[in-house]
Amino acid sequence: MATRDTIVIGASAGGVRALCQLVADLPPDLPAAVFIVLHVPANAPSLLPAILARESSLPVAHAKNGAPIERGHIYVAPPDHHLLLEDGHMRLVHGPKENLHRPSIDALFRSAARCAGPRAIGVVLTGARDDGKIGMRAIKHRGGITIVQDPLEAAFPSMPMSVMREIKVDYSFPLSEIGPLLNQIARETAEEEGRYPVPDEIEIESRIAEQAMDSTEMIESVERLGNISKLTCPDCHGALWEINDAEMLRYRCHVGHAYSADSLNEGQTQMLEVALWSAVRALEEQMMLAKRIVQRARNANHTRAAALFEKRAQQAEEHSSVIRQVLLSAEKTDFGEPVLQTGDD
């Protein structure tokens, strides 16, 4: 009989400390493979395997594309790549971001639900916003076990809380109790996989994450998931499809970017900020050019032209100042928890 041999863990802000404590509690004879996604910057080397190895009695390494999965090992998603699971091996894909992240917790969890079904155990730890909730729902639908860190003790409770709002999790435990719980559950017999067939939605979105389709198939797959909306993708600026999902409001573009409503709102905010700073730059360039024209007009005794461009320079400076103040005031406003891209607090 199969056991629950696939453990997937997701964390973001505050995650390094939480992961260190969790792996320290896992025994050296754990009969499962552990896969970890921590939100990390794309342009910096990840030291997480070395950090966790100092605390863990299990071998820890970055996942490698095509490598076989071994029980009793911990695999960490490398920066700027989705970590996906297939039958008996791992895949690394530099595919479109999901929830503004690559690696994405949702992408890993969904692949675990697809390939391991009832053998999968999903764990969501401290973090801001809501990456992981869609993947945890997929694990639940496939008969897997769902665990979240108790939000009351999490450094950043948004991620575990977002999961708890969407699904009835099996366990919500303090961090100190999750390691022993995983050791216990990993030794249990899993239910028959045939009792939990893979829903079309999970199959389609897993294949989108793998990026193994041609363009026509990709577009057709996204269209099967939902209906085109009036919104645009913050990453590629293409059209977004609203997914036919009665439980969660979420979106996809035909390139493969995916968003919860929360992450889409954040992406639009970032896109708006870029646009506004671009407007500041354009206005300030207009102001400098107008002032240069004023100088030349005065030297040539073109009084009317000098007055006209002096007014334009003044208007450009005023408009630039207004937009700059809006941007600076937004930086000082607390719109919620900050996401620390290093994953640490």
C-alpha atoms as a PDB file:
ATOM      1  CA  MET A   1       0.000   0.000   0.000  1.00  0.00           C
ATOM      2  CA  ALA A   2       1.219   3.499  -0.822  1.00  0.00           C
ATOM      3  CA  THR A   3       2.149   5.917   1.955  1.00  0.00           C
ATOM      4  CA  ARG A   4       2.040   9.692   2.003  1.00  0.00           C
ATOM      5  CA  ASP A   5       5.508  10.100   0.549  1.00  0.00           C
ATOM      6  CA  THR A   6       5.331  13.579  -1.049  1.00  0.00           C
ATOM      7  CA  ILE A   7       5.599  16.651   1.195  1.00  0.00           C
ATOM      8  CA  VAL A   8       5.424  20.112  -0.413  1.00  0.00           C
ATOM      9  CA  ILE A   9       6.103  23.232   1.654  1.00  0.00           C
ATOM     10  CA  GLY A  10       5.598  26.889   0.752  1.00  0.00           C
ATOM     11  CA  ALA A  11       6.783  29.993   2.593  1.00  0.00           C
ATOM     12  CA  SER A  12       7.471  33.654   1.935  1.00  0.00           C
ATOM     13  CA  ALA A  13       8.148  36.515   4.361  1.00  0.00           C
ATOM     14  CA  GLY A  14       9.651  35.150   7.566  1.00  0.00           C
ATOM     15  CA  GLY A  15      10.144  31.818   5.866  1.00  0.00           C
ATOM     16  CA  VAL A  16      13.861  31.177   6.429  1.00  0.00           C
ATOM     17  CA  ARG A  17      13.530  30.964  10.209  1.00  0.00           C
ATOM     18  CA  ALA A  18      10.342  28.931   9.975  1.00  0.00           C
ATOM     19  CA  LEU A  19      11.877  26.458   7.531  1.00  0.00           C
ATOM     20  CA  CYS A  20      15.008  26.071   9.666  1.00  0.00           C
ATOM     21  CA  GLN A  21      12.876  25.118  12.662  1.00  0.00           C
ATOM     22  CA  LEU A  22      10.683  22.782  10.638  1.00  0.00           C
ATOM     23  CA  VAL A  23      13.461  20.786   8.946  1.00  0.00           C
ATOM     24  CA  ALA A  24      15.290  20.475  12.271  1.00  0.00           C
ATOM     25  CA  ASP A  25      12.278  18.538  13.568  1.00  0.00           C
ATOM     26  CA  LEU A  26      12.242  15.996  10.710  1.00  0.00           C
ATOM     27  CA  PRO A  27      13.837  12.622  11.545  1.00  0.00           C
ATOM     28  CA  PRO A  28      16.679  11.111   9.460  1.00  0.00           C
ATOM     29  CA  ASP A  29      14.468   8.155   8.489  1.00  0.00           C
ATOM     30  CA  LEU A  30      11.560  10.240   7.138  1.00  0.00           C
ATOM     31  CA  PRO A  31       9.886   7.991   4.513  1.00  0.00           C
ATOM     32  CA  ALA A  32       8.998  10.890   2.205  1.00  0.00           C
ATOM     33  CA  ALA A  33      10.600  13.407  -0.137  1.00  0.00           C
ATOM     34  CA  VAL A  34      10.282  17.076   0.834  1.00  0.00           C
ATOM     35  CA  PHE A  35       9.993  19.895  -1.704  1.00  0.00           C
ATOM     36  CA  ILE A  36      10.294  23.557  -0.696  1.00  0.00           C
ATOM     37  CA  VAL A  37       9.392  26.807  -2.448  1.00  0.00           C
ATOM     38  CA  LEU A  38      10.501  30.026  -0.787  1.00  0.00           C
ATOM     39  CA  HIS A  39       9.986  33.327  -2.583  1.00  0.00           C
ATOM     40  CA  VAL A  40      13.497  34.560  -3.377  1.00  0.00           C
ATOM     41  CA  PRO A  41      14.932  37.199  -5.743  1.00  0.00           C
ATOM     42  CA  ALA A  42      15.548  36.020  -9.291  1.00  0.00           C
ATOM     43  CA  ASN A  43      18.901  37.785  -9.668  1.00  0.00           C
ATOM     44  CA  ALA A  44      20.706  36.494  -6.564  1.00  0.00           C
ATOM     45  CA  PRO A  45      22.085  33.072  -5.629  1.00  0.00           C
ATOM     46  CA  SER A  46      20.012  31.147  -3.108  1.00  0.00           C
ATOM     47  CA  LEU A  47      21.843  30.012   0.030  1.00  0.00           C
ATOM     48  CA  LEU A  48      18.771  28.278   1.409  1.00  0.00           C
ATOM     49  CA  PRO A  49      19.985  24.660   0.905  1.00  0.00           C
ATOM     50  CA  ALA A  50      23.194  25.403   2.827  1.00  0.00           C
ATOM     51  CA  ILE A  51      21.261  27.202   5.573  1.00  0.00           C
ATOM     52  CA  LEU A  52      18.766  24.365   5.972  1.00  0.00           C
ATOM     53  CA  ALA A  53      21.478  21.694   5.796  1.00  0.00           C
ATOM     54  CA  ARG A  54      22.997  23.095   8.982  1.00  0.00           C
ATOM     55  CA  GLU A  55      19.726  22.361  10.803  1.00  0.00           C
ATOM     56  CA  SER A  56      18.544  19.193   9.053  1.00  0.00           C
ATOM     57  CA  SER A  57      19.445  15.533   9.518  1.00  0.00           C
ATOM     58  CA  LEU A  58      18.226  14.963   5.937  1.00  0.00           C
ATOM     59  CA  PRO A  59      20.265  15.796   2.793  1.00  0.00           C
ATOM     60  CA  VAL A  60      19.296  19.208   1.357  1.00  0.00           C
ATOM     61  CA  ALA A  61      19.981  20.439  -2.172  1.00  0.00           C
ATOM     62  CA  HIS A  62      18.556  22.527  -4.964  1.00  0.00           C
ATOM     63  CA  ALA A  63      16.218  20.566  -7.203  1.00  0.00           C
ATOM     64  CA  LYS A  64      17.689  19.586 -10.579  1.00  0.00           C
ATOM     65  CA  ASN A  65      15.769  19.283 -13.807  1.00  0.00           C
ATOM     66  CA  GLY A  66      15.021  15.668 -14.655  1.00  0.00           C
ATOM     67  CA  ALA A  67      16.572  14.297 -11.460  1.00  0.00           C
ATOM     68  CA  PRO A  68      14.869  11.310  -9.813  1.00  0.00           C
ATOM     69  CA  ILE A  69      12.973  11.833  -6.568  1.00  0.00           C
ATOM     70  CA  GLU A  70      14.439  10.082  -3.542  1.00  0.00           C
ATOM     71  CA  ARG A  71      12.676   9.660  -0.228  1.00  0.00           C
ATOM     72  CA  GLY A  72      14.479  11.082   2.771  1.00  0.00           C
ATOM     73  CA  HIS A  73      15.775  14.065   0.784  1.00  0.00           C
ATOM     74  CA  ILE A  74      14.853  17.764   0.848  1.00  0.00           C
ATOM     75  CA  TYR A  75      14.710  19.592  -2.488  1.00  0.00           C
ATOM     76  CA  VAL A  76      14.631  23.400  -2.723  1.00  0.00           C
ATOM     77  CA  ALA A  77      13.340  25.290  -5.764  1.00  0.00           C
ATOM     78  CA  PRO A  78      16.192  27.352  -7.260  1.00  0.00           C
ATOM     79  CA  PRO A  79      15.683  31.056  -7.972  1.00  0.00           C
ATOM     80  CA  ASP A  80      13.661  32.080 -11.029  1.00  0.00           C
ATOM     81  CA  HIS A  81      12.390  28.564 -11.815  1.00  0.00           C
ATOM     82  CA  HIS A  82       9.143  26.778 -11.053  1.00  0.00           C
ATOM     83  CA  LEU A  83       9.675  23.419  -9.375  1.00  0.00           C
ATOM     84  CA  LEU A  84       7.217  20.854 -10.755  1.00  0.00           C
ATOM     85  CA  LEU A  85       6.773  17.185  -9.889  1.00  0.00           C
ATOM     86  CA  GLU A  86       6.124  14.401 -12.357  1.00  0.00           C
ATOM     87  CA  ASP A  87       6.023  10.640 -11.867  1.00  0.00           C
ATOM     88  CA  GLY A  88       9.306   9.818 -10.163  1.00  0.00           C
ATOM     89  CA  HIS A  89      11.266  12.930 -11.142  1.00  0.00           C
ATOM     90  CA  MET A  90      11.418  16.738 -10.940  1.00  0.00           C
ATOM     91  CA  ARG A  91      11.133  19.417 -13.586  1.00  0.00           C
ATOM     92  CA  LEU A  92      12.446  22.965 -13.498  1.00  0.00           C
ATOM     93  CA  VAL A  93      10.664  25.406 -15.815  1.00  0.00           C
ATOM     94  CA  HIS A  94      11.469  29.061 -16.458  1.00  0.00           C
ATOM     95  CA  GLY A  95       7.810  29.640 -17.238  1.00  0.00           C
ATOM     96  CA  PRO A  96       5.448  32.564 -16.704  1.00  0.00           C
ATOM     97  CA  LYS A  97       5.074  33.771 -13.129  1.00  0.00           C
ATOM     98  CA  GLU A  98       2.094  32.774 -11.022  1.00  0.00           C
ATOM     99  CA  ASN A  99       0.893  35.256  -8.412  1.00  0.00           C
ATOM    100  CA  LEU A 100       3.856  37.461  -9.428  1.00  0.00           C
ATOM    101  CA  HIS A 101       6.314  34.750  -8.317  1.00  0.00           C
ATOM    102  CA  ARG A 102       8.732  32.328  -9.926  1.00  0.00           C
ATOM    103  CA  PRO A 103       9.123  29.892  -8.210  1.00  0.00           C
ATOM    104  CA  SER A 104       5.448  29.730  -7.327  1.00  0.00           C
ATOM    105  CA  ILE A 105       4.010  27.771  -4.409  1.00  0.00           C
ATOM    106  CA  ASP A 106       0.785  27.169  -6.343  1.00  0.00           C
ATOM    107  CA  ALA A 107       2.674  25.662  -9.283  1.00  0.00           C
ATOM    108  CA  LEU A 108       4.530  23.180  -7.044  1.00  0.00           C
ATOM    109  CA  PHE A 109       1.449  22.234  -5.034  1.00  0.00           C
ATOM    110  CA  ARG A 110      -0.723  21.744  -8.123  1.00  0.00           C
ATOM    111  CA  SER A 111       1.876  19.441  -9.672  1.00  0.00           C
ATOM    112  CA  ALA A 112       2.068  17.441  -6.424  1.00  0.00           C
ATOM    113  CA  ALA A 113      -1.719  17.096  -6.394  1.00  0.00           C
ATOM    114  CA  ARG A 114      -1.687  15.928 -10.005  1.00  0.00           C
ATOM    115  CA  CYS A 115       1.080  13.321  -9.731  1.00  0.00           C
ATOM    116  CA  ALA A 116       0.790  12.174  -6.085  1.00  0.00           C
ATOM    117  CA  GLY A 117      -2.912  12.599  -5.300  1.00  0.00           C
ATOM    118  CA  PRO A 118      -3.678  11.196  -1.819  1.00  0.00           C
ATOM    119  CA  ARG A 119       0.058  10.668  -1.218  1.00  0.00           C
ATOM    120  CA  ALA A 120       0.637  14.454  -1.146  1.00  0.00           C
ATOM    121  CA  ILE A 121       0.939  16.559   2.001  1.00  0.00           C
ATOM    122  CA  GLY A 122       0.800  20.349   1.562  1.00  0.00           C
ATOM    123  CA  VAL A 123       2.209  22.757   4.140  1.00  0.00           C
ATOM    124  CA  VAL A 124       1.838  26.561   4.021  1.00  0.00           C
ATOM    125  CA  LEU A 125       3.960  28.573   6.441  1.00  0.00           C
ATOM    126  CA  THR A 126       4.410  32.275   7.186  1.00  0.00           C
ATOM    127  CA  GLY A 127       4.084  34.706   4.302  1.00  0.00           C
ATOM    128  CA  ALA A 128       2.279  37.749   2.949  1.00  0.00           C
ATOM    129  CA  ARG A 129      -0.590  37.725   0.437  1.00  0.00           C
ATOM    130  CA  ASP A 130      -1.992  34.427  -0.822  1.00  0.00           C
ATOM    131  CA  ASP A 131       0.349  32.315  -2.950  1.00  0.00           C
ATOM    132  CA  GLY A 132      -0.379  28.673  -2.104  1.00  0.00           C
ATOM    133  CA  LYS A 133      -4.125  28.726  -1.530  1.00  0.00           C
ATOM    134  CA  ILE A 134      -5.032  27.519  -5.033  1.00  0.00           C
ATOM    135  CA  GLY A 135      -2.429  24.772  -4.857  1.00  0.00           C
ATOM    136  CA  MET A 136      -3.623  23.696  -1.425  1.00  0.00           C
ATOM    137  CA  ARG A 137      -7.149  23.412  -2.764  1.00  0.00           C
ATOM    138  CA  ALA A 138      -5.847  21.149  -5.534  1.00  0.00           C
ATOM    139  CA  ILE A 139      -4.180  18.900  -2.947  1.00  0.00           C
ATOM    140  CA  LYS A 140      -7.438  18.787  -0.976  1.00  0.00           C
ATOM    141  CA  HIS A 141      -9.436  17.866  -4.091  1.00  0.00           C
ATOM    142  CA  ARG A 142      -7.067  14.991  -4.808  1.00  0.00           C
ATOM    143  CA  GLY A 143      -7.346  13.486  -1.316  1.00  0.00           C
ATOM    144  CA  GLY A 144      -4.094  14.868   0.087  1.00  0.00           C
ATOM    145  CA  ILE A 145      -3.472  16.310   3.541  1.00  0.00           C
ATOM    146  CA  THR A 146      -3.425  20.086   4.096  1.00  0.00           C
ATOM    147  CA  ILE A 147      -1.506  21.753   6.932  1.00  0.00           C
ATOM    148  CA  VAL A 148      -0.956  25.427   7.759  1.00  0.00           C
ATOM    149  CA  GLN A 149       1.134  27.120  10.387  1.00  0.00           C
ATOM    150  CA  ASP A 150      -1.054  28.596  13.114  1.00  0.00           C
ATOM    151  CA  PRO A 151      -1.572  32.202  11.908  1.00  0.00           C
ATOM    152  CA  LEU A 152      -1.457  33.461  15.497  1.00  0.00           C
ATOM    153  CA  GLU A 153       2.235  32.565  15.731  1.00  0.00           C
ATOM    154  CA  ALA A 154       3.290  33.156  12.110  1.00  0.00           C
ATOM    155  CA  ALA A 155       5.551  36.171  11.548  1.00  0.00           C
ATOM    156  CA  PHE A 156       3.353  37.047   8.547  1.00  0.00           C
ATOM    157  CA  PRO A 157      -0.047  35.348   8.852  1.00  0.00           C
ATOM    158  CA  SER A 158      -1.615  36.244   5.485  1.00  0.00           C
ATOM    159  CA  MET A 159      -0.644  33.087   3.587  1.00  0.00           C
ATOM    160  CA  PRO A 160      -1.914  30.554   6.127  1.00  0.00           C
ATOM    161  CA  MET A 161      -5.010  32.679   6.760  1.00  0.00           C
ATOM    162  CA  SER A 162      -5.820  32.892   3.034  1.00  0.00           C
ATOM    163  CA  VAL A 163      -5.701  29.088   2.804  1.00  0.00           C
ATOM    164  CA  MET A 164      -7.969  28.714   5.839  1.00  0.00           C
ATOM    165  CA  ARG A 165     -10.500  31.132   4.351  1.00  0.00           C
ATOM    166  CA  GLU A 166     -10.804  29.073   1.166  1.00  0.00           C
ATOM    167  CA  ILE A 167     -10.643  25.452   2.331  1.00  0.00           C
ATOM    168  CA  LYS A 168     -11.160  23.436   5.483  1.00  0.00           C
ATOM    169  CA  VAL A 169      -7.573  22.512   6.306  1.00  0.00           C
ATOM    170  CA  ASP A 170      -6.812  19.243   8.049  1.00  0.00           C
ATOM    171  CA  TYR A 171      -4.405  20.783  10.572  1.00  0.00           C
ATOM    172  CA  SER A 172      -3.503  24.272  11.800  1.00  0.00           C
ATOM    173  CA  PHE A 173      -0.605  23.754  14.204  1.00  0.00           C
ATOM    174  CA  PRO A 174       2.186  25.783  15.804  1.00  0.00           C
ATOM    175  CA  LEU A 175       5.459  25.395  13.928  1.00  0.00           C
ATOM    176  CA  SER A 176       6.975  23.230  16.660  1.00  0.00           C
ATOM    177  CA  GLU A 177       4.280  20.595  16.124  1.00  0.00           C
ATOM    178  CA  ILE A 178       4.359  20.427  12.325  1.00  0.00           C
ATOM    179  CA  GLY A 179       7.594  18.422  12.007  1.00  0.00           C
ATOM    180  CA  PRO A 180       6.431  15.579  14.297  1.00  0.00           C
ATOM    181  CA  LEU A 181       3.038  15.651  12.560  1.00  0.00           C
ATOM    182  CA  LEU A 182       4.678  15.232   9.142  1.00  0.00           C
ATOM    183  CA  ASN A 183       6.707  12.294  10.430  1.00  0.00           C
ATOM    184  CA  GLN A 184       3.508  10.646  11.661  1.00  0.00           C
ATOM    185  CA  ILE A 185       1.397  11.290   8.567  1.00  0.00           C
ATOM    186  CA  ALA A 186       4.175  10.265   6.147  1.00  0.00           C
ATOM    187  CA  ARG A 187       4.046   6.750   7.608  1.00  0.00           C
ATOM    188  CA  GLU A 188       0.299   6.381   7.133  1.00  0.00           C
ATOM    189  CA  THR A 189      -1.278   4.460   4.269  1.00  0.00           C
ATOM    190  CA  ALA A 190      -2.745   6.759   1.634  1.00  0.00           C
ATOM    191  CA  GLU A 191      -6.155   6.187   0.114  1.00  0.00           C
ATOM    192  CA  GLU A 192      -6.487   4.703  -3.348  1.00  0.00           C
ATOM    193  CA  GLU A 193      -5.683   7.336  -5.981  1.00  0.00           C
ATOM    194  CA  GLY A 194      -8.568   6.189  -8.143  1.00  0.00           C
ATOM    195  CA  ARG A 195     -11.000   7.630  -5.610  1.00  0.00           C
ATOM    196  CA  TYR A 196      -9.800  11.130  -6.497  1.00  0.00           C
ATOM    197  CA  PRO A 197      -9.591  11.583 -10.283  1.00  0.00           C
ATOM    198  CA  VAL A 198      -7.645  14.562 -11.583  1.00  0.00           C
ATOM    199  CA  PRO A 199     -10.104  17.410 -12.371  1.00  0.00           C
ATOM    200  CA  ASP A 200      -9.809  18.947 -15.845  1.00  0.00           C
ATOM    201  CA  GLU A 201      -8.845  22.286 -14.290  1.00  0.00           C
ATOM    202  CA  ILE A 202      -5.816  20.800 -12.491  1.00  0.00           C
ATOM    203  CA  GLU A 203      -4.720  18.874 -15.580  1.00  0.00           C
ATOM    204  CA  ILE A 204      -4.965  21.905 -17.867  1.00  0.00           C
ATOM    205  CA  GLU A 205      -3.243  24.316 -15.486  1.00  0.00           C
ATOM    206  CA  SER A 206      -0.484  21.787 -14.779  1.00  0.00           C
ATOM    207  CA  ARG A 207       0.214  21.478 -18.496  1.00  0.00           C
ATOM    208  CA  ILE A 208       0.220  25.264 -18.849  1.00  0.00           C
ATOM    209  CA  ALA A 209       2.838  25.499 -16.088  1.00  0.00           C
ATOM    210  CA  GLU A 210       4.955  22.872 -17.866  1.00  0.00           C
ATOM    211  CA  GLN A 211       4.955  25.077 -21.014  1.00  0.00           C
ATOM    212  CA  ALA A 212       4.884  21.931 -23.169  1.00  0.00           C
ATOM    213  CA  MET A 213       2.145  23.213 -25.517  1.00  0.00           C
ATOM    214  CA  ASP A 214       2.377  25.104 -28.775  1.00  0.00           C
ATOM    215  CA  SER A 215       0.793  28.559 -28.983  1.00  0.00           C
ATOM    216  CA  THR A 216      -2.515  27.371 -30.424  1.00  0.00           C
ATOM    217  CA  GLU A 217      -2.990  24.724 -27.757  1.00  0.00           C
ATOM    218  CA  MET A 218      -2.035  27.183 -25.040  1.00  0.00           C
ATOM    219  CA  ILE A 219      -4.668  29.688 -26.136  1.00  0.00           C
ATOM    220  CA  GLU A 220      -7.312  26.979 -26.490  1.00  0.00           C
ATOM    221  CA  SER A 221      -6.484  25.650 -23.011  1.00  0.00           C
ATOM    222  CA  VAL A 222      -6.889  29.057 -21.373  1.00  0.00           C
ATOM    223  CA  GLU A 223     -10.161  29.600 -23.222  1.00  0.00           C
ATOM    224  CA  ARG A 224     -11.450  26.288 -21.857  1.00  0.00           C
ATOM    225  CA  LEU A 225     -10.806  27.545 -18.320  1.00  0.00           C
ATOM    226  CA  GLY A 226     -12.824  30.744 -18.476  1.00  0.00           C
ATOM    227  CA  ASN A 227     -14.016  33.793 -20.361  1.00  0.00           C
ATOM    228  CA  ILE A 228     -12.088  36.783 -21.600  1.00  0.00           C
ATOM    229  CA  SER A 229     -12.337  39.821 -19.331  1.00  0.00           C
ATOM    230  CA  LYS A 230     -11.730  43.547 -19.799  1.00  0.00           C
ATOM    231  CA  LEU A 231      -8.570  43.365 -17.682  1.00  0.00           C
ATOM    232  CA  THR A 232      -4.981  43.097 -18.901  1.00  0.00           C
ATOM    233  CA  CYS A 233      -2.031  41.089 -17.619  1.00  0.00           C
ATOM    234  CA  PRO A 234       0.431  43.185 -15.546  1.00  0.00           C
ATOM    235  CA  ASP A 235       3.348  41.042 -16.771  1.00  0.00           C
ATOM    236  CA  CYS A 236       2.785  40.802 -20.538  1.00  0.00           C
ATOM    237  CA  HIS A 237      -0.073  43.338 -20.992  1.00  0.00           C
ATOM    238  CA  GLY A 238      -2.204  40.830 -22.907  1.00  0.00           C
ATOM    239  CA  ALA A 239      -5.858  40.021 -22.286  1.00  0.00           C
ATOM    240  CA  LEU A 240      -6.841  38.170 -19.115  1.00  0.00           C
ATOM    241  CA  TRP A 241      -9.377  35.371 -18.891  1.00  0.00           C
ATOM    242  CA  GLU A 242     -11.494  35.162 -15.741  1.00  0.00           C
ATOM    243  CA  ILE A 243     -11.389  31.525 -14.653  1.00  0.00           C
ATOM    244  CA  ASN A 244     -14.707  29.712 -14.220  1.00  0.00           C
ATOM    245  CA  ASP A 245     -14.207  29.143 -10.504  1.00  0.00           C
ATOM    246  CA  ALA A 246     -17.171  29.399  -8.150  1.00  0.00           C
ATOM    247  CA  GLU A 247     -14.930  29.480  -5.081  1.00  0.00           C
ATOM    248  CA  MET A 248     -12.093  31.860  -6.012  1.00  0.00           C
ATOM    249  CA  LEU A 249     -11.805  34.921  -8.235  1.00  0.00           C
ATOM    250  CA  ARG A 250      -8.717  34.385 -10.374  1.00  0.00           C
ATOM    251  CA  TYR A 251      -7.305  35.092 -13.816  1.00  0.00           C
ATOM    252  CA  ARG A 252      -4.963  33.772 -16.514  1.00  0.00           C
ATOM    253  CA  CYS A 253      -3.527  35.151 -19.730  1.00  0.00           C
ATOM    254  CA  HIS A 254      -2.887  32.989 -22.798  1.00  0.00           C
ATOM    255  CA  VAL A 255       0.885  33.262 -22.239  1.00  0.00           C
ATOM    256  CA  GLY A 256       0.504  31.461 -18.912  1.00  0.00           C
ATOM    257  CA  HIS A 257       0.671  34.138 -16.213  1.00  0.00           C
ATOM    258  CA  ALA A 258      -1.784  33.382 -13.404  1.00  0.00           C
ATOM    259  CA  TYR A 259      -3.235  35.592 -10.665  1.00  0.00           C
ATOM    260  CA  SER A 260      -5.480  35.434  -7.680  1.00  0.00           C
ATOM    261  CA  ALA A 261      -7.575  38.584  -7.270  1.00  0.00           C
ATOM    262  CA  ASP A 262      -5.149  39.788  -4.584  1.00  0.00           C
ATOM    263  CA  SER A 263      -2.005  39.239  -6.646  1.00  0.00           C
ATOM    264  CA  LEU A 264      -3.631  40.820  -9.723  1.00  0.00           C
ATOM    265  CA  ASN A 265      -4.451  43.902  -7.683  1.00  0.00           C
ATOM    266  CA  GLU A 266      -0.824  44.043  -6.510  1.00  0.00           C
ATOM    267  CA  GLY A 267       0.409  43.625 -10.067  1.00  0.00           C
ATOM    268  CA  GLN A 268      -1.822  46.436 -11.289  1.00  0.00           C
ATOM    269  CA  THR A 269      -0.528  48.649  -8.471  1.00  0.00           C
ATOM    270  CA  GLN A 270       3.046  47.981  -9.543  1.00  0.00           C
ATOM    271  CA  MET A 271       2.153  48.629 -13.178  1.00  0.00           C
ATOM    272  CA  LEU A 272       0.455  51.903 -12.220  1.00  0.00           C
ATOM    273  CA  GLU A 273       3.506  53.007 -10.257  1.00  0.00           C
ATOM    274  CA  VAL A 274       5.759  52.404 -13.265  1.00  0.00           C
ATOM    275  CA  ALA A 275       3.362  54.384 -15.465  1.00  0.00           C
ATOM    276  CA  LEU A 276       3.225  57.286 -13.028  1.00  0.00           C
ATOM    277  CA  TRP A 277       7.005  57.520 -12.663  1.00  0.00           C
ATOM    278  CA  SER A 278       7.213  57.457 -16.461  1.00  0.00           C
ATOM    279  CA  ALA A 279       4.767  60.374 -16.507  1.00  0.00           C
ATOM    280  CA  VAL A 280       6.973  62.261 -14.012  1.00  0.00           C
ATOM    281  CA  ARG A 281       9.999  61.668 -16.230  1.00  0.00           C
ATOM    282  CA  ALA A 282       8.155  62.818 -19.384  1.00  0.00           C
ATOM    283  CA  LEU A 283       6.837  65.957 -17.677  1.00  0.00           C
ATOM    284  CA  GLU A 284      10.247  66.872 -16.303  1.00  0.00           C
ATOM    285  CA  GLU A 285      11.815  66.404 -19.729  1.00  0.00           C
ATOM    286  CA  GLN A 286       9.063  68.603 -21.188  1.00  0.00           C
ATOM    287  CA  MET A 287       9.823  71.208 -18.529  1.00  0.00           C
ATOM    288  CA  MET A 288      13.582  71.181 -19.282  1.00  0.00           C
ATOM    289  CA  LEU A 289      12.992  71.470 -23.025  1.00  0.00           C
ATOM    290  CA  ALA A 290      10.514  74.306 -22.548  1.00  0.00           C
ATOM    291  CA  LYS A 291      13.000  76.213 -20.341  1.00  0.00           C
ATOM    292  CA  ARG A 292      15.684  75.761 -22.993  1.00  0.00           C
ATOM    293  CA  ILE A 293      13.299  77.143 -25.634  1.00  0.00           C
ATOM    294  CA  VAL A 294      12.535  80.108 -23.350  1.00  0.00           C
ATOM    295  CA  GLN A 295      16.239  80.935 -23.114  1.00  0.00           C
ATOM    296  CA  ARG A 296      16.688  80.832 -26.868  1.00  0.00           C
ATOM    297  CA  ALA A 297      13.510  82.883 -27.455  1.00  0.00           C
ATOM    298  CA  ARG A 298      14.618  85.589 -25.021  1.00  0.00           C
ATOM    299  CA  ASN A 299      18.065  85.764 -26.612  1.00  0.00           C
ATOM    300  CA  ALA A 300      16.324  86.275 -29.946  1.00  0.00           C
ATOM    301  CA  ASN A 301      13.879  88.847 -28.445  1.00  0.00           C
ATOM    302  CA  HIS A 302      10.887  86.596 -29.247  1.00  0.00           C
ATOM    303  CA  THR A 303       8.857  87.790 -26.278  1.00  0.00           C
ATOM    304  CA  ARG A 304       5.575  86.043 -27.095  1.00  0.00           C
ATOM    305  CA  ALA A 305       7.257  82.667 -27.691  1.00  0.00           C
ATOM    306  CA  ALA A 306       9.243  83.036 -24.466  1.00  0.00           C
ATOM    307  CA  ALA A 307       6.073  83.720 -22.469  1.00  0.00           C
ATOM    308  CA  LEU A 308       4.231  80.798 -24.076  1.00  0.00           C
ATOM    309  CA  PHE A 309       6.955  78.232 -23.320  1.00  0.00           C
ATOM    310  CA  GLU A 310       7.565  79.667 -19.875  1.00  0.00           C
ATOM    311  CA  LYS A 311       3.922  78.908 -19.083  1.00  0.00           C
ATOM    312  CA  ARG A 312       4.290  75.371 -20.496  1.00  0.00           C
ATOM    313  CA  ALA A 313       7.401  74.802 -18.368  1.00  0.00           C
ATOM    314  CA  GLN A 314       5.547  75.972 -15.261  1.00  0.00           C
ATOM    315  CA  GLN A 315       2.557  73.689 -15.980  1.00  0.00           C
ATOM    316  CA  ALA A 316       4.796  70.665 -16.602  1.00  0.00           C
ATOM    317  CA  GLU A 317       6.641  71.304 -13.333  1.00  0.00           C
ATOM    318  CA  GLU A 318       3.372  71.651 -11.400  1.00  0.00           C
ATOM    319  CA  HIS A 319       1.913  68.449 -12.877  1.00  0.00           C
ATOM    320  CA  SER A 320       5.134  66.555 -12.213  1.00  0.00           C
ATOM    321  CA  SER A 321       5.150  67.742  -8.613  1.00  0.00           C
ATOM    322  CA  VAL A 322       1.563  66.589  -8.048  1.00  0.00           C
ATOM    323  CA  ILE A 323       2.236  63.083  -9.388  1.00  0.00           C
ATOM    324  CA  ARG A 324       5.501  62.810  -7.433  1.00  0.00           C
ATOM    325  CA  GLN A 325       3.729  63.713  -4.190  1.00  0.00           C
ATOM    326  CA  VAL A 326       1.047  61.088  -4.877  1.00  0.00           C
ATOM    327  CA  LEU A 327       3.735  58.446  -5.379  1.00  0.00           C
ATOM    328  CA  LEU A 328       5.674  59.461  -2.281  1.00  0.00           C
ATOM    329  CA  SER A 329       2.566  59.526  -0.113  1.00  0.00           C
ATOM    330  CA  ALA A 330       1.630  56.032  -1.332  1.00  0.00           C
ATOM    331  CA  GLU A 331       5.049  54.744  -0.203  1.00  0.00           C
ATOM    332  CA  LYS A 332       4.306  55.909   3.335  1.00  0.00           C
ATOM    333  CA  THR A 333       0.835  54.364   3.475  1.00  0.00           C
ATOM    334  CA  ASP A 334       0.426  50.935   5.051  1.00  0.00           C
ATOM    335  CA  PHE A 335      -1.709  48.987   2.595  1.00  0.00           C
ATOM    336  CA  GLY A 336      -0.990  45.673   4.332  1.00  0.00           C
ATOM    337  CA  GLU A 337       1.892  43.383   5.092  1.00  0.00           C
ATOM    338  CA  PRO A 338       5.127  43.886   3.164  1.00  0.00           C
ATOM    339  CA  VAL A 339       6.422  40.966   1.143  1.00  0.00           C
ATOM    340  CA  LEU A 340      10.115  40.469   1.764  1.00  0.00           C
ATOM    341  CA  GLN A 341      11.418  38.973  -1.445  1.00  0.00           C
ATOM    342  CA  THR A 342      14.289  37.290   0.352  1.00  0.00           C
ATOM    343  CA  GLY A 343      11.719  35.241   2.234  1.00  0.00           C
ATOM    344  CA  ASP A 344      13.337  36.247   5.530  1.00  0.00           C
ATOM    345  CA  ASP A 345      12.095  38.790   8.028  1.00  0.00           C
END
